[in-house]
C-alpha atoms as a PDB file:
ATOM      1  CA  MET A   1       0.104  -0.063   0.258  1.00  0.00           C
ATOM      2  CA  THR A   2       2.670   2.782   0.875  1.00  0.00           C
ATOM      3  CA  GLU A   3       4.457   1.373  -2.360  1.00  0.00           C
ATOM      4  CA  ALA A   4       1.185   2.901  -3.925  1.00  0.00           C
ATOM      5  CA  GLY A   5       1.500   5.780  -2.639  1.00  0.00           C
ATOM      6  CA  SER A   6      -0.400   5.305   1.271  1.00  0.00           C
ATOM      7  CA  ILE A   7      -0.283   6.820   4.425  1.00  0.00           C
ATOM      8  CA  VAL A   8      -0.803   3.561   6.709  1.00  0.00           C
ATOM      9  CA  ILE A   9      -0.551   4.932  10.503  1.00  0.00           C
ATOM     10  CA  LYS A  10      -1.092   1.864  13.073  1.00  0.00           C
ATOM     11  CA  PHE A  11      -2.244   3.246  16.022  1.00  0.00           C
ATOM     12  CA  TRP A  12      -2.125   0.957  19.356  1.00  0.00           C
ATOM     13  CA  LEU A  13      -3.668   2.895  22.022  1.00  0.00           C
ATOM     14  CA  ALA A  14      -2.438   1.739  26.079  1.00  0.00           C
ATOM     15  CA  ILE A  15      -4.225   2.201  29.186  1.00  0.00           C
ATOM     16  CA  ASP A  16      -3.443   1.416  32.303  1.00  0.00           C
ATOM     17  CA  THR A  17      -4.515  -1.950  34.146  1.00  0.00           C
ATOM     18  CA  ASP A  18      -6.664  -0.158  36.726  1.00  0.00           C
ATOM     19  CA  GLU A  19      -8.568   2.282  34.208  1.00  0.00           C
ATOM     20  CA  GLN A  20      -8.491  -0.284  31.668  1.00  0.00           C
ATOM     21  CA  GLU A  21     -11.088  -2.134  34.229  1.00  0.00           C
ATOM     22  CA  ARG A  22     -13.568   0.711  34.533  1.00  0.00           C
ATOM     23  CA  ARG A  23     -13.804   0.672  31.561  1.00  0.00           C
ATOM     24  CA  PHE A  24     -14.278  -2.883  30.888  1.00  0.00           C
ATOM     25  CA  LYS A  25     -16.954  -2.941  34.304  1.00  0.00           C
ATOM     26  CA  ALA A  26     -18.258   0.107  32.417  1.00  0.00           C
ATOM     27  CA  ARG A  27     -18.690  -2.495  28.793  1.00  0.00           C
ATOM     28  CA  GLU A  28     -20.093  -5.264  30.426  1.00  0.00           C
ATOM     29  CA  GLU A  29     -23.994  -4.262  29.055  1.00  0.00           C
ATOM     30  CA  PRO A  30     -23.017  -2.880  25.890  1.00  0.00           C
ATOM     31  CA  GLY A  31     -21.185  -6.770  24.737  1.00  0.00           C
ATOM     32  CA  TYR A  32     -20.604  -5.242  20.824  1.00  0.00           C
ATOM     33  CA  LYS A  33     -17.811  -3.087  22.521  1.00  0.00           C
ATOM     34  CA  ARG A  34     -15.451  -6.251  22.995  1.00  0.00           C
ATOM     35  CA  TYR A  35     -11.357  -5.052  21.738  1.00  0.00           C
ATOM     36  CA  LYS A  36      -9.113  -8.286  20.316  1.00  0.00           C
ATOM     37  CA  ILE A  37      -5.633  -7.984  19.518  1.00  0.00           C
ATOM     38  CA  THR A  38      -4.214 -11.241  17.611  1.00  0.00           C
ATOM     39  CA  ASP A  39      -0.687 -12.477  15.597  1.00  0.00           C
ATOM     40  CA  GLU A  40      -2.230 -10.702  12.739  1.00  0.00           C
ATOM     41  CA  ASP A  41      -2.346  -7.336  14.557  1.00  0.00           C
ATOM     42  CA  TRP A  42       1.738  -7.749  15.312  1.00  0.00           C
ATOM     43  CA  ARG A  43       2.815  -8.866  12.402  1.00  0.00           C
ATOM     44  CA  ASN A  44       1.253  -6.138  10.120  1.00  0.00           C
ATOM     45  CA  SER A  45       4.425  -4.193  12.493  1.00  0.00           C
ATOM     46  CA  THR A  46       6.618  -3.094   9.878  1.00  0.00           C
ATOM     47  CA  SER A  47       8.865  -0.149   8.900  1.00  0.00           C
ATOM     48  CA  MET A  48       6.919   1.171   6.371  1.00  0.00           C
ATOM     49  CA  ALA A  49       4.377   1.401   8.255  1.00  0.00           C
ATOM     50  CA  PRO A  50       4.531   1.107  12.449  1.00  0.00           C
ATOM     51  CA  TRP A  51       2.663   1.613  15.998  1.00  0.00           C
ATOM     52  CA  VAL A  52       2.218   4.582  16.998  1.00  0.00           C
ATOM     53  CA  LEU A  53       1.780   4.399  21.127  1.00  0.00           C
ATOM     54  CA  VAL A  54      -0.857   6.859  22.449  1.00  0.00           C
ATOM     55  CA  GLU A  55      -1.189   6.302  25.793  1.00  0.00           C
ATOM     56  CA  THR A  56      -4.996   6.058  26.500  1.00  0.00           C
ATOM     57  CA  ASN A  57      -5.951   6.913  30.502  1.00  0.00           C
ATOM     58  CA  ASP A  58      -7.118  10.549  29.070  1.00  0.00           C
ATOM     59  CA  LYS A  59      -9.206  10.109  26.271  1.00  0.00           C
ATOM     60  CA  TYR A  60      -8.960  13.922  24.837  1.00  0.00           C
ATOM     61  CA  HIS A  61      -6.026  13.223  25.025  1.00  0.00           C
ATOM     62  CA  ALA A  62      -5.552  10.312  22.722  1.00  0.00           C
ATOM     63  CA  ARG A  63      -7.856  12.034  20.448  1.00  0.00           C
ATOM     64  CA  ILE A  64      -5.284  15.075  20.194  1.00  0.00           C
ATOM     65  CA  LYS A  65      -2.608  12.636  19.660  1.00  0.00           C
ATOM     66  CA  VAL A  66      -4.348  10.803  17.566  1.00  0.00           C
ATOM     67  CA  LEU A  67      -5.275  14.064  15.063  1.00  0.00           C
ATOM     68  CA  LYS A  68      -1.703  15.586  14.977  1.00  0.00           C
ATOM     69  CA  THR A  69      -0.385  12.357  13.876  1.00  0.00           C
ATOM     70  CA  VAL A  70      -1.987  11.774  11.053  1.00  0.00           C
ATOM     71  CA  CYS A  71      -1.129  15.462   9.775  1.00  0.00           C
ATOM     72  CA  GLU A  72       2.086  15.338  10.664  1.00  0.00           C
ATOM     73  CA  GLN A  73       2.611  12.314   8.153  1.00  0.00           C
ATOM     74  CA  ILE A  74      -0.159  13.825   5.781  1.00  0.00           C
ATOM     75  CA  GLU A  75       2.195  16.633   6.038  1.00  0.00           C
ATOM     76  CA  LYS A  76       5.610  15.006   5.754  1.00  0.00           C
ATOM     77  CA  SER A  77       3.557  12.917   2.698  1.00  0.00           C
ATOM     78  CA  LEU A  78       2.901  15.878   0.621  1.00  0.00           C
END
């Protein structure tokens, strides 16, 4: 994809165990809000499209970091 000119950005959302437990409890009712990580996710981490670590305990901070990263990558590719 990158050889064809696409910009590939992958985000790894990290959260500490206390905040994760709080959010899991809040998600117990709506079962459709479950997330998974597989071996395929690890395999797809390459130097051409590395993972960007996003600390997500603070949702506002996480959103800003994602937006800044997207903007930086677009500017870099122009």
